[in-house]
């Protein structure tokens, strides 16, 4: 039996705010999106996995490195709904969006450490962006969450 979209649960996920030495944020352009939308690394939390473990696993899977140290973990879970058609395509009508625990990390490597050509690539391009530019470059349904993340981790983003 199919669950009505509005009654579906959120998919547990970790979000990664990766900050370089210039206090810019890592953003990738999704390989499966024709829009000019950029996002921070994120991914599902596996059963039995804690947030920190999921964070470093997702970094390695998506950007080819986990050379970073944790600065802080957002105290709340942040939710967003994905447009119904996209949610149906991504998760076969199982979820309506994601509930995310965000982690701020300081990148300790160099740009040469980053490799988005991973086993299952998620990004077609990447760059370091200024925090003030993040929300305008993101998919509209992610913007409120991104604003909350930037607000919480603001102390780590000032020069």
N, C-alpha and C. Protein backbone atom coordinates (compact mmCIF):
# COMPACT_ATOMS: atom_id res chain seq x y z
N UNK A 1 0.84 -1.19 0.00
CA UNK A 1 0.00 0.00 0.00
C UNK A 1 0.89 1.25 0.00
N UNK A 2 0.57 2.15 -0.88
CA UNK A 2 1.36 3.37 -1.02
C UNK A 2 0.99 4.38 0.06
N UNK A 3 2.02 5.00 0.65
CA UNK A 3 1.81 6.02 1.68
C UNK A 3 1.63 7.37 1.00
N UNK A 4 0.61 8.11 1.42
CA UNK A 4 0.38 9.46 0.90
C UNK A 4 1.63 10.31 1.14
N UNK A 5 1.98 11.13 0.17
CA UNK A 5 3.21 11.94 0.21
C UNK A 5 3.37 12.68 1.54
N UNK A 6 2.34 13.39 1.98
CA UNK A 6 2.44 14.22 3.19
C UNK A 6 2.59 13.41 4.47
N UNK A 7 2.33 12.10 4.41
CA UNK A 7 2.43 11.25 5.60
C UNK A 7 3.69 10.39 5.60
N UNK A 8 4.50 10.52 4.57
CA UNK A 8 5.73 9.75 4.51
C UNK A 8 6.74 10.29 5.53
N UNK A 9 7.62 9.43 6.02
CA UNK A 9 8.66 9.90 6.95
C UNK A 9 9.79 10.62 6.21
N UNK A 10 10.66 11.21 7.00
CA UNK A 10 11.87 11.82 6.46
C UNK A 10 13.00 10.80 6.50
N UNK A 11 13.89 10.88 5.53
CA UNK A 11 15.06 10.01 5.46
C UNK A 11 16.15 10.58 6.35
N UNK A 12 16.67 9.81 7.33
CA UNK A 12 17.75 10.30 8.19
C UNK A 12 19.03 10.51 7.37
N UNK A 13 19.64 11.65 7.56
CA UNK A 13 20.74 12.05 6.70
C UNK A 13 21.72 12.91 7.48
N UNK A 14 22.97 12.92 7.03
CA UNK A 14 23.97 13.82 7.59
C UNK A 14 24.29 14.86 6.53
N UNK A 15 24.46 16.11 6.97
CA UNK A 15 24.86 17.19 6.08
C UNK A 15 26.24 17.68 6.49
N UNK A 16 27.04 18.08 5.51
CA UNK A 16 28.44 18.41 5.76
C UNK A 16 28.75 19.83 5.31
N UNK A 17 29.05 20.70 6.28
CA UNK A 17 29.51 22.06 6.00
C UNK A 17 31.02 22.01 6.12
N UNK A 18 31.69 21.90 4.98
CA UNK A 18 33.14 21.78 4.94
C UNK A 18 33.74 23.14 4.64
N UNK A 19 34.57 23.63 5.57
CA UNK A 19 35.11 25.00 5.51
C UNK A 19 36.61 24.93 5.27
N UNK A 20 37.07 25.69 4.28
CA UNK A 20 38.52 25.70 4.01
C UNK A 20 39.21 26.80 4.81
N UNK A 21 40.50 26.97 4.60
CA UNK A 21 41.30 27.94 5.36
C UNK A 21 40.88 29.38 5.09
N UNK A 22 40.22 29.62 3.96
CA UNK A 22 39.74 30.96 3.61
C UNK A 22 38.30 31.19 4.07
N UNK A 23 37.78 30.26 4.87
CA UNK A 23 36.40 30.30 5.35
C UNK A 23 35.37 30.27 4.24
N UNK A 24 35.71 29.59 3.15
CA UNK A 24 34.75 29.32 2.09
C UNK A 24 34.22 27.91 2.29
N UNK A 25 33.07 27.64 1.69
CA UNK A 25 32.35 26.38 1.87
C UNK A 25 32.44 25.54 0.61
N UNK A 26 32.65 24.24 0.80
CA UNK A 26 32.65 23.32 -0.34
C UNK A 26 31.22 23.18 -0.87
N UNK A 27 31.07 23.29 -2.18
CA UNK A 27 29.78 23.05 -2.83
C UNK A 27 30.02 22.26 -4.10
N UNK A 28 29.13 21.32 -4.35
CA UNK A 28 29.20 20.52 -5.56
C UNK A 28 27.94 20.68 -6.38
N UNK A 29 28.09 20.55 -7.69
CA UNK A 29 26.95 20.57 -8.59
C UNK A 29 26.56 19.13 -8.86
N UNK A 30 25.31 18.79 -8.53
CA UNK A 30 24.86 17.41 -8.67
C UNK A 30 24.95 16.94 -10.12
N UNK A 31 25.45 15.74 -10.28
CA UNK A 31 25.65 15.17 -11.61
C UNK A 31 24.31 14.83 -12.28
N UNK A 32 23.27 14.60 -11.47
CA UNK A 32 21.97 14.19 -12.01
C UNK A 32 20.97 15.33 -12.10
N UNK A 33 21.46 16.57 -12.04
CA UNK A 33 20.56 17.72 -12.06
C UNK A 33 20.94 18.64 -13.21
N UNK A 34 19.99 18.95 -14.05
CA UNK A 34 20.25 19.85 -15.17
C UNK A 34 20.23 21.32 -14.76
N UNK A 35 19.79 21.59 -13.55
CA UNK A 35 19.75 22.97 -13.06
C UNK A 35 21.13 23.41 -12.60
N UNK A 36 21.33 24.70 -12.49
CA UNK A 36 22.59 25.27 -12.00
C UNK A 36 22.49 25.34 -10.47
N UNK A 37 22.22 24.22 -9.84
CA UNK A 37 22.06 24.17 -8.38
C UNK A 37 23.29 23.52 -7.75
N UNK A 38 23.75 24.14 -6.68
CA UNK A 38 24.92 23.65 -5.96
C UNK A 38 24.49 23.22 -4.57
N UNK A 39 25.18 22.25 -4.01
CA UNK A 39 24.83 21.79 -2.68
C UNK A 39 26.07 21.35 -1.92
N UNK A 40 25.90 21.29 -0.61
CA UNK A 40 26.95 20.76 0.25
C UNK A 40 26.82 19.24 0.26
N UNK A 41 27.90 18.53 0.56
CA UNK A 41 27.81 17.07 0.64
C UNK A 41 26.79 16.64 1.69
N UNK A 42 26.11 15.56 1.42
CA UNK A 42 25.12 15.02 2.34
C UNK A 42 24.86 13.58 1.95
N UNK A 43 24.27 12.84 2.87
CA UNK A 43 23.92 11.47 2.53
C UNK A 43 23.26 10.75 3.69
N UNK A 44 22.67 9.63 3.38
CA UNK A 44 21.93 8.86 4.37
C UNK A 44 22.80 8.31 5.48
N UNK A 45 22.18 8.20 6.64
CA UNK A 45 22.83 7.58 7.79
C UNK A 45 22.39 6.12 7.80
N UNK A 46 23.34 5.22 7.72
CA UNK A 46 23.03 3.79 7.69
C UNK A 46 22.54 3.31 9.06
N UNK A 47 21.77 2.23 9.06
CA UNK A 47 21.29 1.64 10.31
C UNK A 47 22.46 1.34 11.23
N UNK A 48 22.36 1.77 12.48
CA UNK A 48 23.39 1.52 13.47
C UNK A 48 24.58 2.46 13.38
N UNK A 49 24.56 3.39 12.45
CA UNK A 49 25.69 4.30 12.25
C UNK A 49 25.45 5.60 13.02
N UNK A 50 26.49 6.13 13.66
CA UNK A 50 26.34 7.41 14.33
C UNK A 50 26.64 8.55 13.35
N UNK A 51 26.30 9.76 13.75
CA UNK A 51 26.43 10.93 12.88
C UNK A 51 27.87 11.16 12.44
N UNK A 52 28.81 11.07 13.36
CA UNK A 52 30.22 11.32 13.01
C UNK A 52 30.73 10.30 11.99
N UNK A 53 30.42 9.04 12.21
CA UNK A 53 30.85 8.00 11.28
C UNK A 53 30.23 8.22 9.90
N UNK A 54 28.94 8.54 9.88
CA UNK A 54 28.25 8.80 8.61
C UNK A 54 28.87 10.00 7.90
N UNK A 55 29.22 11.02 8.66
CA UNK A 55 29.82 12.23 8.11
C UNK A 55 31.11 11.91 7.35
N UNK A 56 32.01 11.23 8.00
CA UNK A 56 33.30 10.93 7.36
C UNK A 56 33.15 9.92 6.21
N UNK A 57 32.22 8.98 6.35
CA UNK A 57 31.97 8.04 5.25
C UNK A 57 31.43 8.77 4.03
N UNK A 58 30.46 9.65 4.25
CA UNK A 58 29.88 10.40 3.14
C UNK A 58 30.90 11.32 2.47
N UNK A 59 31.75 11.95 3.27
CA UNK A 59 32.80 12.79 2.68
C UNK A 59 33.67 11.97 1.74
N UNK A 60 34.10 10.82 2.22
CA UNK A 60 34.98 9.96 1.42
C UNK A 60 34.26 9.50 0.15
N UNK A 61 32.98 9.12 0.29
CA UNK A 61 32.21 8.65 -0.86
C UNK A 61 31.95 9.74 -1.90
N UNK A 62 31.71 10.96 -1.44
CA UNK A 62 31.29 12.02 -2.35
C UNK A 62 32.43 12.89 -2.87
N UNK A 63 33.45 13.14 -2.03
CA UNK A 63 34.51 14.04 -2.48
C UNK A 63 35.90 13.42 -2.41
N UNK A 64 35.95 12.13 -2.09
CA UNK A 64 37.21 11.41 -2.17
C UNK A 64 38.19 11.64 -1.04
N UNK A 65 37.81 12.40 -0.04
CA UNK A 65 38.70 12.65 1.10
C UNK A 65 37.87 12.85 2.36
N UNK A 66 38.47 12.51 3.48
CA UNK A 66 37.85 12.81 4.78
C UNK A 66 38.85 13.57 5.65
N UNK A 67 39.74 14.30 5.00
CA UNK A 67 40.79 15.04 5.69
C UNK A 67 40.22 16.33 6.28
N UNK A 68 39.55 16.18 7.42
CA UNK A 68 38.90 17.32 8.07
C UNK A 68 38.71 17.00 9.54
N UNK A 69 38.53 18.05 10.32
CA UNK A 69 38.24 17.87 11.74
C UNK A 69 36.91 18.53 12.07
N UNK A 70 36.17 17.88 12.96
CA UNK A 70 34.85 18.38 13.34
C UNK A 70 34.99 19.62 14.22
N UNK A 71 34.25 20.66 13.85
CA UNK A 71 34.19 21.89 14.64
C UNK A 71 32.97 21.87 15.56
N UNK A 72 31.83 21.43 15.03
CA UNK A 72 30.59 21.42 15.81
C UNK A 72 29.55 20.58 15.08
N UNK A 73 28.56 20.14 15.85
CA UNK A 73 27.41 19.43 15.30
C UNK A 73 26.16 20.23 15.65
N UNK A 74 25.32 20.48 14.67
CA UNK A 74 24.09 21.25 14.89
C UNK A 74 23.26 20.56 15.97
N UNK A 75 22.71 21.32 16.91
CA UNK A 75 21.96 20.70 18.01
C UNK A 75 20.62 20.10 17.60
N UNK A 76 20.09 20.50 16.46
CA UNK A 76 18.77 20.04 16.03
C UNK A 76 18.84 19.27 14.72
N UNK A 77 17.81 18.47 14.50
CA UNK A 77 17.61 17.84 13.19
C UNK A 77 16.83 18.84 12.35
N UNK A 78 17.28 19.07 11.12
CA UNK A 78 16.63 20.01 10.22
C UNK A 78 15.99 19.24 9.07
N UNK A 79 14.72 19.57 8.79
CA UNK A 79 13.97 18.84 7.77
C UNK A 79 13.71 19.69 6.53
N UNK A 80 13.66 19.02 5.40
CA UNK A 80 13.12 19.68 4.20
C UNK A 80 12.38 18.65 3.36
N UNK A 81 11.32 19.14 2.72
CA UNK A 81 10.55 18.32 1.80
C UNK A 81 11.12 18.47 0.40
N UNK A 82 11.18 17.37 -0.31
CA UNK A 82 11.61 17.36 -1.70
C UNK A 82 10.34 17.36 -2.55
N UNK A 83 10.33 18.08 -3.66
CA UNK A 83 9.13 18.03 -4.52
C UNK A 83 8.70 16.59 -4.77
N UNK A 84 7.39 16.37 -4.73
CA UNK A 84 6.86 15.00 -4.75
C UNK A 84 7.37 14.16 -5.91
N UNK A 85 7.42 14.70 -7.10
CA UNK A 85 7.89 13.94 -8.25
C UNK A 85 9.32 13.47 -8.08
N UNK A 86 10.16 14.34 -7.55
CA UNK A 86 11.56 14.00 -7.32
C UNK A 86 11.70 12.97 -6.20
N UNK A 87 10.92 13.16 -5.13
CA UNK A 87 10.95 12.20 -4.01
C UNK A 87 10.53 10.81 -4.49
N UNK A 88 9.52 10.75 -5.34
CA UNK A 88 9.06 9.46 -5.87
C UNK A 88 10.16 8.79 -6.70
N UNK A 89 10.87 9.59 -7.48
CA UNK A 89 11.93 9.06 -8.33
C UNK A 89 13.13 8.59 -7.50
N UNK A 90 13.52 9.40 -6.51
CA UNK A 90 14.70 9.09 -5.70
C UNK A 90 14.50 7.89 -4.78
N UNK A 91 13.35 7.85 -4.14
CA UNK A 91 13.16 6.88 -3.06
C UNK A 91 11.94 5.98 -3.24
N UNK A 92 11.43 5.89 -4.44
CA UNK A 92 10.32 4.97 -4.76
C UNK A 92 9.14 5.14 -3.80
N UNK A 93 8.77 6.38 -3.56
CA UNK A 93 7.60 6.75 -2.74
C UNK A 93 7.74 6.35 -1.26
N UNK A 94 8.97 6.23 -0.78
CA UNK A 94 9.20 5.83 0.61
C UNK A 94 9.32 7.03 1.55
N UNK A 95 9.96 8.13 1.10
CA UNK A 95 10.18 9.31 1.93
C UNK A 95 9.62 10.55 1.24
N UNK A 96 9.39 11.60 2.05
CA UNK A 96 8.96 12.87 1.47
C UNK A 96 10.07 13.91 1.47
N UNK A 97 11.15 13.61 2.17
CA UNK A 97 12.26 14.55 2.25
C UNK A 97 13.32 13.99 3.18
N UNK A 98 14.12 14.88 3.71
CA UNK A 98 15.21 14.44 4.57
C UNK A 98 15.18 15.17 5.91
N UNK A 99 15.57 14.45 6.94
CA UNK A 99 15.85 15.07 8.23
C UNK A 99 17.36 14.95 8.42
N UNK A 100 17.99 16.09 8.62
CA UNK A 100 19.44 16.13 8.58
C UNK A 100 20.06 16.61 9.89
N UNK A 101 21.14 15.95 10.25
CA UNK A 101 22.01 16.41 11.34
C UNK A 101 23.24 16.98 10.64
N UNK A 102 23.48 18.26 10.84
CA UNK A 102 24.57 18.96 10.15
C UNK A 102 25.83 19.00 10.99
N UNK A 103 26.96 18.83 10.31
CA UNK A 103 28.27 18.83 10.94
C UNK A 103 29.13 19.88 10.24
N UNK A 104 29.73 20.77 11.04
CA UNK A 104 30.69 21.74 10.51
C UNK A 104 32.08 21.17 10.69
N UNK A 105 32.87 21.20 9.62
CA UNK A 105 34.23 20.66 9.66
C UNK A 105 35.21 21.64 9.04
N UNK A 106 36.43 21.61 9.55
CA UNK A 106 37.53 22.38 8.96
C UNK A 106 38.32 21.45 8.05
N UNK A 107 38.39 21.82 6.77
CA UNK A 107 39.14 21.03 5.80
C UNK A 107 40.63 21.19 6.08
N UNK A 108 41.34 20.08 6.17
CA UNK A 108 42.76 20.13 6.52
C UNK A 108 43.66 19.71 5.37
N UNK A 109 43.07 19.47 4.22
CA UNK A 109 43.85 19.05 3.07
C UNK A 109 44.08 20.18 2.09
N UNK A 110 44.39 19.79 0.87
CA UNK A 110 44.55 20.75 -0.23
C UNK A 110 43.52 20.42 -1.30
N UNK A 111 43.35 21.32 -2.24
CA UNK A 111 42.39 21.07 -3.32
C UNK A 111 42.72 19.78 -4.07
N UNK A 112 43.98 19.43 -4.13
CA UNK A 112 44.40 18.21 -4.83
C UNK A 112 43.85 16.95 -4.16
N UNK A 113 43.49 17.04 -2.87
CA UNK A 113 42.92 15.89 -2.16
C UNK A 113 41.48 15.60 -2.59
N UNK A 114 40.81 16.60 -3.13
CA UNK A 114 39.41 16.45 -3.49
C UNK A 114 39.30 15.78 -4.86
N UNK A 115 38.50 14.71 -4.88
CA UNK A 115 38.30 13.96 -6.12
C UNK A 115 36.82 13.57 -6.20
N UNK A 116 36.09 14.27 -7.05
CA UNK A 116 34.66 13.98 -7.19
C UNK A 116 34.38 12.83 -8.16
N UNK A 117 35.43 12.32 -8.78
CA UNK A 117 35.28 11.16 -9.68
C UNK A 117 35.39 9.88 -8.85
N UNK A 118 34.43 9.70 -7.95
CA UNK A 118 34.42 8.58 -7.03
C UNK A 118 33.75 7.37 -7.67
N UNK A 119 33.63 6.27 -6.93
CA UNK A 119 33.02 5.04 -7.47
C UNK A 119 31.61 5.30 -7.99
N UNK A 120 30.83 6.06 -7.25
CA UNK A 120 29.49 6.45 -7.68
C UNK A 120 29.43 7.98 -7.58
N UNK A 121 29.86 8.68 -8.63
CA UNK A 121 29.97 10.14 -8.55
C UNK A 121 28.61 10.81 -8.36
N UNK A 122 28.61 11.82 -7.48
CA UNK A 122 27.40 12.59 -7.23
C UNK A 122 27.50 14.01 -7.77
N UNK A 123 28.74 14.48 -7.97
CA UNK A 123 28.95 15.84 -8.43
C UNK A 123 29.64 15.85 -9.79
N UNK A 124 29.24 16.80 -10.63
CA UNK A 124 29.89 16.99 -11.93
C UNK A 124 30.95 18.08 -11.86
N UNK A 125 30.87 18.92 -10.83
CA UNK A 125 31.78 20.03 -10.66
C UNK A 125 31.79 20.41 -9.18
N UNK A 126 32.81 21.12 -8.75
CA UNK A 126 32.86 21.57 -7.36
C UNK A 126 33.62 22.89 -7.29
N UNK A 127 33.40 23.60 -6.19
CA UNK A 127 34.12 24.85 -5.94
C UNK A 127 33.96 25.25 -4.48
N UNK A 128 34.81 26.17 -4.07
CA UNK A 128 34.69 26.79 -2.75
C UNK A 128 33.90 28.08 -2.95
N UNK A 129 32.87 28.28 -2.13
CA UNK A 129 32.04 29.47 -2.29
C UNK A 129 31.96 30.25 -0.99
N UNK A 130 31.66 31.53 -1.12
CA UNK A 130 31.47 32.37 0.05
C UNK A 130 30.15 31.99 0.72
N UNK A 131 30.11 32.01 2.05
CA UNK A 131 28.87 31.66 2.75
C UNK A 131 27.66 32.47 2.28
N UNK A 132 27.86 33.75 2.00
CA UNK A 132 26.74 34.60 1.58
C UNK A 132 26.15 34.18 0.23
N UNK A 133 26.89 33.43 -0.55
CA UNK A 133 26.41 33.01 -1.87
C UNK A 133 25.71 31.65 -1.85
N UNK A 134 25.84 30.92 -0.76
CA UNK A 134 25.37 29.54 -0.72
C UNK A 134 23.88 29.39 -1.01
N UNK A 135 23.05 30.11 -0.28
CA UNK A 135 21.60 29.92 -0.42
C UNK A 135 21.10 30.23 -1.82
N UNK A 136 21.63 31.27 -2.43
CA UNK A 136 21.15 31.65 -3.76
C UNK A 136 21.56 30.63 -4.82
N UNK A 137 22.58 29.84 -4.56
CA UNK A 137 23.04 28.83 -5.51
C UNK A 137 22.38 27.46 -5.30
N UNK A 138 21.69 27.30 -4.17
CA UNK A 138 21.10 26.02 -3.81
C UNK A 138 19.72 25.84 -4.43
N UNK A 139 19.28 24.59 -4.48
CA UNK A 139 17.91 24.29 -4.91
C UNK A 139 16.95 25.00 -3.96
N UNK A 140 15.87 25.57 -4.47
CA UNK A 140 14.95 26.34 -3.61
C UNK A 140 14.46 25.57 -2.38
N UNK A 141 14.21 24.27 -2.50
CA UNK A 141 13.67 23.52 -1.36
C UNK A 141 14.71 23.28 -0.26
N UNK A 142 15.98 23.58 -0.52
CA UNK A 142 17.03 23.41 0.49
C UNK A 142 17.42 24.72 1.17
N UNK A 143 16.95 25.84 0.66
CA UNK A 143 17.44 27.14 1.11
C UNK A 143 17.19 27.43 2.59
N UNK A 144 16.01 27.10 3.10
CA UNK A 144 15.73 27.38 4.52
C UNK A 144 16.67 26.58 5.43
N UNK A 145 16.91 25.33 5.09
CA UNK A 145 17.84 24.52 5.88
C UNK A 145 19.24 25.12 5.79
N UNK A 146 19.67 25.51 4.61
CA UNK A 146 21.01 26.08 4.46
C UNK A 146 21.15 27.37 5.28
N UNK A 147 20.11 28.18 5.31
CA UNK A 147 20.15 29.41 6.13
C UNK A 147 20.29 29.06 7.61
N UNK A 148 19.56 28.05 8.08
CA UNK A 148 19.66 27.63 9.48
C UNK A 148 21.05 27.09 9.80
N UNK A 149 21.63 26.35 8.87
CA UNK A 149 22.98 25.80 9.05
C UNK A 149 24.00 26.93 9.13
N UNK A 150 23.92 27.87 8.20
CA UNK A 150 24.86 29.00 8.20
C UNK A 150 24.72 29.83 9.46
N UNK A 151 23.50 30.03 9.92
CA UNK A 151 23.28 30.81 11.13
C UNK A 151 23.89 30.12 12.35
N UNK A 152 23.70 28.82 12.46
CA UNK A 152 24.24 28.07 13.61
C UNK A 152 25.77 28.05 13.61
N UNK A 153 26.35 27.91 12.45
CA UNK A 153 27.81 27.76 12.36
C UNK A 153 28.53 29.06 11.99
N UNK A 154 27.84 30.17 12.09
CA UNK A 154 28.41 31.48 11.73
C UNK A 154 29.75 31.77 12.40
N UNK A 155 29.93 31.43 13.68
CA UNK A 155 31.22 31.73 14.32
C UNK A 155 32.42 31.09 13.62
N UNK A 156 32.21 30.01 12.90
CA UNK A 156 33.31 29.33 12.21
C UNK A 156 33.56 29.90 10.81
N UNK A 157 32.69 30.81 10.38
CA UNK A 157 32.76 31.32 9.01
C UNK A 157 33.27 32.75 8.91
N UNK A 158 33.65 33.33 10.03
CA UNK A 158 34.16 34.71 10.00
C UNK A 158 35.68 34.68 9.89
N UNK A 159 36.18 35.63 9.12
CA UNK A 159 37.64 35.68 8.88
C UNK A 159 38.40 36.10 10.12
